[in-house]
Protein backbone atom coordinates (compact mmCIF):
# COMPACT_ATOMS: atom_id res chain seq x y z
CA UNK A 1 23.74 28.54 47.77
CA UNK A 2 21.41 28.49 50.82
CA UNK A 3 23.13 28.09 54.06
CA UNK A 4 21.79 24.81 54.92
CA UNK A 5 23.46 23.48 51.53
CA UNK A 6 26.78 24.70 52.44
CA UNK A 7 26.36 23.12 55.87
CA UNK A 8 25.54 19.70 53.92
CA UNK A 9 28.80 20.27 51.76
CA UNK A 10 30.97 20.72 54.91
CA UNK A 11 29.31 17.67 56.35
CA UNK A 12 30.07 15.21 53.39
CA UNK A 13 33.87 16.97 53.19
CA UNK A 14 34.50 16.16 56.74
CA UNK A 15 32.79 12.45 56.73
CA UNK A 16 35.29 11.94 53.70
CA UNK A 17 37.99 13.33 55.93
CA UNK A 18 37.51 11.28 58.95
CA UNK A 19 37.45 8.09 56.57
CA UNK A 20 40.85 9.08 55.53
CA UNK A 21 41.99 9.71 58.94
CA UNK A 22 41.30 6.13 59.45
CA UNK A 23 38.57 6.61 62.13
CA UNK A 24 36.17 3.55 62.17
CA UNK A 25 33.15 3.96 59.45
CA UNK A 26 30.15 3.55 61.51
CA UNK A 27 31.51 5.98 64.39
CA UNK A 28 32.79 8.37 61.59
CA UNK A 29 29.29 8.41 60.13
CA UNK A 30 27.25 8.52 63.12
CA UNK A 31 29.23 11.36 64.91
CA UNK A 32 29.49 13.38 61.61
CA UNK A 33 25.74 13.10 61.51
CA UNK A 34 24.80 14.09 65.06
CA UNK A 35 27.57 16.85 65.01
CA UNK A 36 26.47 18.61 61.81
CA UNK A 37 22.48 17.74 62.77
CA UNK A 38 23.20 19.60 65.86
CA UNK A 39 24.50 22.91 64.07
CA UNK A 40 21.55 22.61 61.47
CA UNK A 41 19.34 22.72 64.70
CA UNK A 42 21.54 25.62 66.19
CA UNK A 43 21.50 27.59 62.78
CA UNK A 44 17.49 27.33 62.19
CA UNK A 45 18.28 25.01 59.36
CA UNK A 46 16.86 21.80 60.77
CA UNK A 47 13.68 21.86 63.23
CA UNK A 48 14.51 21.31 66.94
CA UNK A 49 12.70 17.93 67.07
CA UNK A 50 14.38 16.83 63.75
CA UNK A 51 16.14 13.67 65.16
CA UNK A 52 12.84 12.25 66.84
CA UNK A 53 12.61 10.53 63.37
CA UNK A 54 16.09 8.74 63.78
CA UNK A 55 15.07 5.92 66.16
CA UNK A 56 12.23 5.17 63.84
CA UNK A 57 14.40 4.75 60.87
CA UNK A 58 16.85 2.68 62.72
CA UNK A 59 14.25 0.38 64.17
CA UNK A 60 12.82 -0.09 60.39
CA UNK A 61 15.90 -0.89 59.21
CA UNK A 62 16.68 -3.43 61.92
CA UNK A 63 13.77 -5.24 61.58
CA UNK A 64 13.72 -5.03 57.49
CA UNK A 65 12.88 -8.68 56.12
CA UNK A 66 14.72 -8.34 52.97
CA UNK A 67 17.99 -7.32 55.04
CA UNK A 68 17.25 -10.82 56.80
CA UNK A 69 18.81 -12.41 53.83
CA UNK A 70 22.21 -11.10 54.62
CA UNK A 71 23.07 -12.88 58.03
CA UNK A 72 21.58 -16.19 56.47
CA UNK A 73 23.71 -15.70 52.95
CA UNK A 74 26.86 -15.12 55.20
CA UNK A 75 26.06 -17.84 57.58
CA UNK A 76 25.74 -20.33 54.32
CA UNK A 77 28.94 -19.09 53.05
CA UNK A 78 31.01 -19.58 55.95
CA UNK A 79 29.36 -23.20 56.74
CA UNK A 80 30.49 -24.12 53.43
CA UNK A 81 33.99 -23.07 53.56
CA UNK A 82 34.20 -25.32 56.63
CA UNK A 83 32.61 -28.09 54.38
CA UNK A 84 36.03 -28.48 52.03
CA UNK A 85 33.79 -27.90 49.03
CA UNK A 86 36.25 -25.83 47.59
CA UNK A 87 39.09 -27.85 48.06
CA UNK A 88 37.55 -30.80 46.14
CA UNK A 89 36.36 -28.66 43.43
CA UNK A 90 39.77 -27.32 42.95
CA UNK A 91 41.38 -30.46 42.80
CA UNK A 92 38.95 -32.16 40.51
CA UNK A 93 38.55 -28.71 38.08
CA UNK A 94 42.25 -29.20 37.70
CA UNK A 95 42.20 -32.67 35.78
CA UNK A 96 39.69 -31.15 33.53
CA UNK A 97 41.69 -28.34 32.72
CA UNK A 98 45.02 -29.26 33.51
CA UNK A 99 46.38 -30.24 29.89
CA UNK A 100 45.34 -26.73 29.00
CA UNK A 101 48.27 -23.78 29.39
CA UNK A 102 46.93 -21.75 31.84
CA UNK A 103 44.61 -24.84 32.87
CA UNK A 104 45.05 -24.53 36.57
CA UNK A 105 44.29 -20.72 36.62
CA UNK A 106 41.16 -21.21 34.37
CA UNK A 107 40.01 -23.93 36.76
CA UNK A 108 40.51 -21.48 39.72
CA UNK A 109 38.23 -19.10 37.87
CA UNK A 110 35.73 -21.92 37.27
CA UNK A 111 35.61 -22.93 40.89
CA UNK A 112 35.40 -18.83 41.69
CA UNK A 113 32.32 -19.12 39.72
CA UNK A 114 30.87 -22.15 41.38
CA UNK A 115 31.84 -20.80 45.16
CA UNK A 116 30.37 -17.24 44.13
CA UNK A 117 26.99 -19.08 43.26
CA UNK A 118 27.31 -21.33 46.26
CA UNK A 119 28.52 -18.80 49.00
CA UNK A 120 28.97 -15.14 47.82
CA UNK A 121 31.50 -14.84 50.42
CA UNK A 122 34.88 -13.13 49.13
CA UNK A 123 37.05 -13.59 51.99
CA UNK A 124 36.00 -17.35 52.60
CA UNK A 125 36.76 -17.84 48.70
CA UNK A 126 40.10 -15.99 48.10
CA UNK A 127 41.65 -17.42 51.55
CA UNK A 128 40.67 -20.99 50.43
CA UNK A 129 41.65 -20.86 47.05
CA UNK A 130 45.02 -18.98 48.40
CA UNK A 131 45.43 -21.98 50.58
CA UNK A 132 44.90 -24.58 47.94
CA UNK A 133 45.82 -23.38 44.56
CA UNK A 134 48.48 -20.68 45.19
CA UNK A 135 51.34 -23.37 46.11
CA UNK A 136 50.15 -25.59 43.18
CA UNK A 137 50.59 -23.04 40.86
CA UNK A 138 54.04 -21.75 42.07
CA UNK A 139 55.12 -25.41 41.96
CA UNK A 140 54.27 -25.73 38.31
CA UNK A 141 55.90 -22.41 37.26
CA UNK A 142 53.12 -19.91 36.92
CA UNK A 143 53.69 -16.19 37.03
CA UNK A 144 53.48 -15.13 40.54
CA UNK A 145 51.53 -11.82 39.11
CA UNK A 146 49.16 -13.94 37.12
CA UNK A 147 48.66 -16.18 40.30
CA UNK A 148 47.66 -13.38 42.59
CA UNK A 149 45.63 -11.55 39.95
CA UNK A 150 43.26 -14.81 39.15
CA UNK A 151 43.09 -15.88 42.44
CA UNK A 152 41.86 -12.33 43.72
CA UNK A 153 39.54 -11.57 40.59
CA UNK A 154 37.96 -15.40 40.74
CA UNK A 155 37.23 -14.99 44.53
CA UNK A 156 35.31 -11.76 44.03
CA UNK A 157 32.96 -13.02 41.68
CA UNK A 158 30.31 -13.64 44.46
CA UNK A 159 29.88 -9.97 44.54
CA UNK A 160 27.75 -9.74 41.68
CA UNK A 161 26.79 -13.54 40.64
CA UNK A 162 23.69 -14.41 42.95
CA UNK A 163 23.52 -14.91 45.88
CA UNK A 164 25.32 -11.75 46.37
CA UNK A 165 24.89 -9.78 49.26
CA UNK A 166 25.78 -6.46 47.37
CA UNK A 167 22.65 -6.98 45.46
CA UNK A 168 20.55 -7.55 48.46
CA UNK A 169 21.91 -4.23 49.98
CA UNK A 170 21.32 -2.57 46.84
CA UNK A 171 17.69 -3.84 46.25
CA UNK A 172 17.00 -2.50 49.66
CA UNK A 173 18.31 0.88 49.12
CA UNK A 174 17.05 1.33 45.65
CA UNK A 175 13.41 -0.24 46.18
CA UNK A 176 14.23 -2.60 43.59
CA UNK A 177 13.19 -6.61 43.81
CA UNK A 178 16.28 -8.50 44.94
CA UNK A 179 15.05 -11.46 43.02
CA UNK A 180 14.73 -9.57 39.74
CA UNK A 181 18.57 -7.81 40.49
CA UNK A 182 19.53 -11.60 40.75
CA UNK A 183 18.20 -12.68 37.60
CA UNK A 184 19.79 -9.50 35.53
CA UNK A 185 23.15 -10.27 37.55
CA UNK A 186 23.64 -13.61 35.98
CA UNK A 187 24.68 -13.11 32.77
CA UNK A 188 27.11 -9.95 33.68
CA UNK A 189 28.41 -12.60 36.15
CA UNK A 190 29.27 -15.02 33.75
CA UNK A 191 30.43 -12.51 31.04
CA UNK A 192 33.48 -11.52 33.57
CA UNK A 193 34.18 -15.48 34.05
CA UNK A 194 34.27 -15.74 30.00
CA UNK A 195 36.57 -12.61 30.23
CA UNK A 196 38.99 -14.30 33.02
CA UNK A 197 39.26 -17.39 30.84
CA UNK A 198 39.78 -15.54 27.60
CA UNK A 199 42.32 -13.49 29.05
CA UNK A 200 44.20 -16.49 30.71
CA UNK A 201 43.92 -18.85 27.77
CA UNK A 202 45.60 -16.19 25.46
CA UNK A 203 48.06 -15.30 27.79
CA UNK A 204 48.90 -19.19 27.85
CA UNK A 205 49.47 -19.17 24.26
CA UNK A 206 51.50 -15.98 23.69
CA UNK A 207 53.37 -16.69 27.13
CA UNK A 208 53.53 -20.22 27.77
CA UNK A 209 56.23 -19.42 30.29
CA UNK A 210 53.78 -17.65 32.54
CA UNK A 211 51.12 -20.34 32.62
CA UNK A 212 52.37 -23.91 31.89
CA UNK A 213 50.18 -27.09 31.47
CA UNK A 214 50.42 -30.14 33.54
CA UNK A 215 52.54 -32.71 32.19
CA UNK A 216 50.73 -35.39 30.55
CA UNK A 217 52.49 -38.18 32.61
CA UNK A 218 50.87 -36.73 35.95
CA UNK A 219 47.05 -36.21 34.22
CA UNK A 220 47.17 -40.13 32.91
CA UNK A 221 47.58 -41.03 36.90
CA UNK A 222 44.25 -39.49 37.69
CA UNK A 223 42.18 -40.05 34.27
CA UNK A 224 40.87 -43.18 35.06
CA UNK A 225 38.53 -42.12 37.83
CA UNK A 226 38.49 -38.23 36.89
CA UNK A 227 34.85 -38.40 35.68
CA UNK A 228 33.81 -40.07 38.81
CA UNK A 229 35.68 -37.21 41.09
CA UNK A 230 34.38 -34.40 39.13
CA UNK A 231 30.87 -35.53 39.32
CA UNK A 232 30.94 -36.26 43.25
CA UNK A 233 32.53 -32.47 43.66
CA UNK A 234 30.09 -31.14 41.39
CA UNK A 235 26.65 -32.44 42.52
CA UNK A 236 26.63 -31.00 46.04
CA UNK A 237 27.28 -27.49 45.02
CA UNK A 238 24.98 -27.52 41.92
CA UNK A 239 22.02 -29.23 44.26
CA UNK A 240 22.64 -26.14 46.67
CA UNK A 241 22.63 -23.43 43.66
CA UNK A 242 19.59 -24.98 42.39
CA UNK A 243 17.83 -24.98 45.71
CA UNK A 244 18.74 -21.21 46.39
CA UNK A 245 18.77 -19.59 42.96
CA UNK A 246 16.26 -22.07 41.29
CA UNK A 247 13.40 -21.22 44.24
CA UNK A 248 14.23 -17.28 43.80
CA UNK A 249 14.29 -17.29 39.62
CA UNK A 250 10.97 -19.32 39.90
CA UNK A 251 9.44 -16.99 42.38
CA UNK A 252 8.84 -20.19 44.73
CA UNK A 253 10.59 -18.05 47.51
CA UNK A 254 11.69 -14.76 48.32
CA UNK A 255 15.64 -14.29 48.73
CA UNK A 256 15.41 -14.52 52.31
CA UNK A 257 13.43 -17.58 52.51
CA UNK A 258 16.36 -19.11 49.81
CA UNK A 259 18.63 -17.98 52.01
CA UNK A 260 17.60 -20.02 54.88
CA UNK A 261 17.20 -23.07 52.91
CA UNK A 262 20.77 -22.30 51.51
CA UNK A 263 21.83 -21.99 55.26
CA UNK A 264 20.16 -25.59 56.19
CA UNK A 265 21.73 -26.67 53.08
CA UNK A 266 25.20 -25.91 53.99
CA UNK A 267 24.90 -27.47 57.45
CA UNK A 268 23.42 -30.80 55.82
CA UNK A 269 26.41 -30.52 53.22
CA UNK A 270 29.01 -30.67 56.09
CA UNK A 271 27.44 -33.48 58.00
CA UNK A 272 27.31 -35.37 54.56
CA UNK A 273 31.42 -34.71 54.46
CA UNK A 274 31.49 -35.47 57.87
CA UNK A 275 33.15 -32.24 58.88
CA UNK A 276 30.17 -31.04 61.25
CA UNK A 277 31.00 -30.39 64.88
CA UNK A 278 29.55 -28.52 67.33
CA UNK A 279 32.77 -26.40 67.72
CA UNK A 280 32.87 -25.81 63.95
CA UNK A 281 29.16 -24.66 64.17
CA UNK A 282 30.00 -22.25 67.17
CA UNK A 283 33.08 -20.77 64.85
CA UNK A 284 30.57 -20.41 62.00
CA UNK A 285 27.95 -18.69 64.15
CA UNK A 286 30.55 -16.42 65.61
CA UNK A 287 31.94 -15.53 62.24
CA UNK A 288 28.29 -14.65 60.94
CA UNK A 289 27.78 -12.60 63.97
CA UNK A 290 30.99 -10.36 63.25
CA UNK A 291 30.34 -9.82 59.83
CA UNK A 292 26.62 -9.03 59.95
CA UNK A 293 27.33 -7.02 63.11
CA UNK A 294 29.71 -4.99 60.81
CA UNK A 295 27.55 -4.45 58.06
CA UNK A 296 24.58 -3.34 60.35
CA UNK A 297 26.35 -1.07 62.81
CA UNK A 298 27.54 0.79 59.43
CA UNK A 299 24.22 0.87 58.17
CA UNK A 300 22.91 2.04 61.36
CA UNK A 301 25.61 5.05 60.99
CA UNK A 302 24.68 5.70 57.30
CA UNK A 303 21.13 6.25 58.49
CA UNK A 304 22.09 9.10 60.98
CA UNK A 305 24.16 10.70 58.15
CA UNK A 306 21.96 10.26 55.23
CA UNK A 307 18.73 11.48 57.40
CA UNK A 308 20.71 14.87 58.58
CA UNK A 309 22.42 15.11 54.80
CA UNK A 310 18.74 14.81 53.14
CA UNK A 311 17.49 17.18 55.87
CA UNK A 312 20.28 19.92 54.89
CA UNK A 313 19.11 19.42 51.04
CA UNK A 314 22.38 18.19 50.78
CA UNK A 315 21.09 15.23 48.11
CA UNK A 316 19.52 18.14 46.13
CA UNK A 317 22.75 19.88 45.82
CA UNK A 318 24.42 16.91 44.43
CA UNK A 319 21.37 16.13 42.19
CA UNK A 320 20.99 19.66 40.63
CA UNK A 321 24.89 19.80 39.91
CA UNK A 322 24.34 16.27 37.68
CA UNK A 323 21.62 17.52 36.20
CA UNK A 324 23.13 21.00 35.01
CA UNK A 325 26.22 18.64 33.36
CA UNK A 326 25.98 18.99 29.63
CA UNK A 327 26.77 15.66 29.11
CA UNK A 328 23.24 13.84 28.47
CA UNK A 329 22.01 10.87 30.27
CA UNK A 330 25.15 8.49 29.21
CA UNK A 331 27.52 11.04 30.03
CA UNK A 332 25.81 11.63 33.41
CA UNK A 333 25.91 7.94 34.06
CA UNK A 334 29.77 7.75 33.28
CA UNK A 335 30.42 10.39 35.76
CA UNK A 336 28.39 8.39 38.53
CA UNK A 337 30.17 5.23 37.41
CA UNK A 338 33.63 7.24 37.71
CA UNK A 339 32.91 8.57 41.12
CA UNK A 340 31.97 4.96 42.29
CA UNK A 341 35.06 3.40 40.75
CA UNK A 342 37.13 6.24 42.29
CA UNK A 343 35.50 5.65 45.67
CA UNK A 344 36.29 2.06 45.50
CA UNK A 345 40.16 2.54 45.71
CA UNK A 346 39.60 4.06 49.35
CA UNK A 347 36.27 2.68 50.82
CA UNK A 348 34.56 -0.58 51.05
CA UNK A 349 31.23 -1.40 49.25
CA UNK A 350 29.28 -0.80 52.38
CA UNK A 351 29.96 2.83 52.65
CA UNK A 352 29.36 3.19 49.14
CA UNK A 353 26.18 1.49 49.05
CA UNK A 354 24.92 2.89 52.10
CA UNK A 355 26.07 6.66 51.65
CA UNK A 356 26.71 7.55 48.10
CA UNK A 357 24.38 5.30 46.10
CA UNK A 358 21.37 6.66 47.67
CA UNK A 359 22.66 10.30 46.83
CA UNK A 360 23.86 9.81 43.37
CA UNK A 361 21.58 7.48 41.72
CA UNK A 362 17.83 8.99 42.02
CA UNK A 363 18.52 11.56 39.54
CA UNK A 364 19.79 8.72 37.18
CA UNK A 365 16.22 7.12 37.75
CA UNK A 366 14.03 10.04 38.01
CA UNK A 367 15.15 12.53 35.54
CA UNK A 368 17.07 10.80 33.13
CA UNK A 369 14.64 7.46 33.16
CA UNK A 370 17.07 4.54 33.37
CA UNK A 371 15.73 1.29 34.62
CA UNK A 372 16.47 1.04 38.14
CA UNK A 373 16.78 -2.77 38.28
CA UNK A 374 19.41 -2.35 35.09
CA UNK A 375 21.12 0.47 37.10
CA UNK A 376 21.40 -1.95 40.24
CA UNK A 377 23.10 -4.59 38.38
CA UNK A 378 25.44 -1.97 36.50
CA UNK A 379 26.40 -0.30 40.04
CA UNK A 380 26.84 -4.19 41.02
CA UNK A 381 29.37 -4.77 38.57
CA UNK A 382 31.14 -1.75 39.34
CA UNK A 383 31.39 -1.91 43.19
CA UNK A 384 33.08 -5.46 42.39
CA UNK A 385 35.97 -3.97 41.34
CA UNK A 386 36.25 -1.87 44.67
CA UNK A 387 37.67 -5.65 46.05
CA UNK A 388 40.44 -5.48 43.64
CA UNK A 389 41.62 -1.93 43.40
CA UNK A 390 44.91 -0.88 45.59
CA UNK A 391 45.62 0.36 48.37
CA UNK A 392 42.38 -0.95 50.12
CA UNK A 393 40.95 -3.73 48.20
CA UNK A 394 39.80 -6.77 50.32
CA UNK A 395 40.67 -9.28 48.23
CA UNK A 396 44.25 -8.06 48.14
CA UNK A 397 44.60 -8.16 52.06
CA UNK A 398 43.12 -11.58 52.37
CA UNK A 399 45.58 -13.02 49.78
CA UNK A 400 48.23 -11.18 51.36
CA UNK A 401 47.48 -12.99 54.82
CA UNK A 402 47.55 -16.41 53.71
CA UNK A 403 50.39 -15.66 50.75
CA UNK A 404 53.98 -17.37 51.44
CA UNK A 405 56.97 -15.06 51.83
CA UNK A 406 57.98 -15.53 48.24
CA UNK A 407 54.77 -13.41 47.27
CA UNK A 408 55.27 -9.92 47.50
CA UNK A 409 52.60 -7.41 48.01
CA UNK A 410 54.11 -5.59 44.75
CA UNK A 411 53.32 -9.15 43.00
CA UNK A 412 49.67 -8.99 44.61
CA UNK A 413 49.00 -5.29 43.15
CA UNK A 414 50.43 -5.66 39.89
CA UNK A 415 48.70 -8.85 39.41
CA UNK A 416 45.09 -7.50 39.86
CA UNK A 417 45.47 -4.60 37.37
CA UNK A 418 44.93 -6.68 34.03
CA UNK A 419 41.78 -7.84 35.90
CA UNK A 420 40.50 -4.36 36.67
CA UNK A 421 40.70 -3.72 33.57
CA UNK A 422 38.94 -6.81 32.31
CA UNK A 423 36.11 -5.75 35.03
CA UNK A 424 35.98 -2.35 33.40
CA UNK A 425 35.61 -3.81 29.94
CA UNK A 426 32.53 -6.14 31.52
CA UNK A 427 31.18 -2.89 33.03
CA UNK A 428 31.31 -1.29 29.53
CA UNK A 429 29.81 -3.85 27.60
CA UNK A 430 27.11 -4.10 30.46
CA UNK A 431 26.33 -0.34 29.92
CA UNK A 432 26.75 -0.52 26.22
CA UNK A 433 24.57 -3.72 25.79
CA UNK A 434 21.25 -3.46 28.12
CA UNK A 435 20.04 -6.93 27.20
CA UNK A 436 22.58 -8.64 28.54
CA UNK A 437 20.91 -7.65 31.98
CA UNK A 438 17.47 -8.49 30.60
CA UNK A 439 17.79 -11.31 28.58
CA UNK A 440 16.72 -13.96 31.10
CA UNK A 441 13.71 -12.20 32.40
CA UNK A 442 11.82 -13.78 29.14
CA UNK A 443 12.53 -17.25 30.78
CA UNK A 444 11.81 -16.40 34.50
CA UNK A 445 9.51 -13.64 34.44
CA UNK A 446 7.82 -14.16 31.02
């Protein structure tokens, strides 16, 4: 092995060690990149002017038009959280599914899918549904683990159902149209929704004590105006979904342009619902700035790390290793998917997107011939599991923050296990049947 690749291997191990030690991700990446880049210059593995290109790469990232969709979609998601849309949807969906065993849990899944297509923000969805539906399901006698698993899994649907921030990042990293990724991700996202609903419905039949139905007497009170309430709750959400996703799918607007429409639409919706105040707008802008700054400072660190790692031929080292595996194309794909799944237990999707995807995926496209758009959607489905896998799944932390004392951390961890299994089933089906990803292209790109 050449000396520069040995240095690259040590560099990668050092970065992992920093992350496990609890150092901030962005600074771990930047420090590792600068330190090993300096070693590479001293050893003669890199040219003395190697770092001259780093400011240009960072400037290119910060002025990237596609990535402008990230703060706009984040703004849209946060402002819709303030509009009270989730609370209305949860209350009305419970009327539709309440007479079924597990009906409230099914309504949480449906609302999670609607919120995913409206906002795409995991934190807002999990926290809102935790505050609104968790006490209701506890009062109705739902099993604690089922409650926690349903809320966490439903809240993470925004990471695969468009407009997903993950898909924006993957599209930019992999050089794939974000609009194409959005079209390809619709059916895999709905597949996960269907798997969740079927699982809850079967569980309600097999174990009715875990997911009881709402008594008929209580449903009768609301039945007279149920249709009106459901319609009023659904119209704003579907109007926003059509405005944002419809424009992207039809090719009328780019994801960035559609995100700006969604941001304005979210503000208008809060005004219609009389929830708009200047203080609320300031809070939304502050939250958007924090979330966006987190993403972009990690991206800057990943740029520094990636530049040095590639300069030391570390990417070639990993790709040569994947090529040497005697497993065939789908065997290598399974290895890459397993690595991404395993990384999701310990680090979040930002680091996986910015560090590991650019290293692991090029060989799958160039050497094994996988369609990059299909591969991007498959990776997106896989990355969604990182929000649920203990010990560092973000959805688990969000729910823990709003759960009452009778909900233990072990209830949350055990509750998400079946839903992680369902996500892996969805991932396997997406890989086994590529037409799930490509089916809608005839409609929107024919």
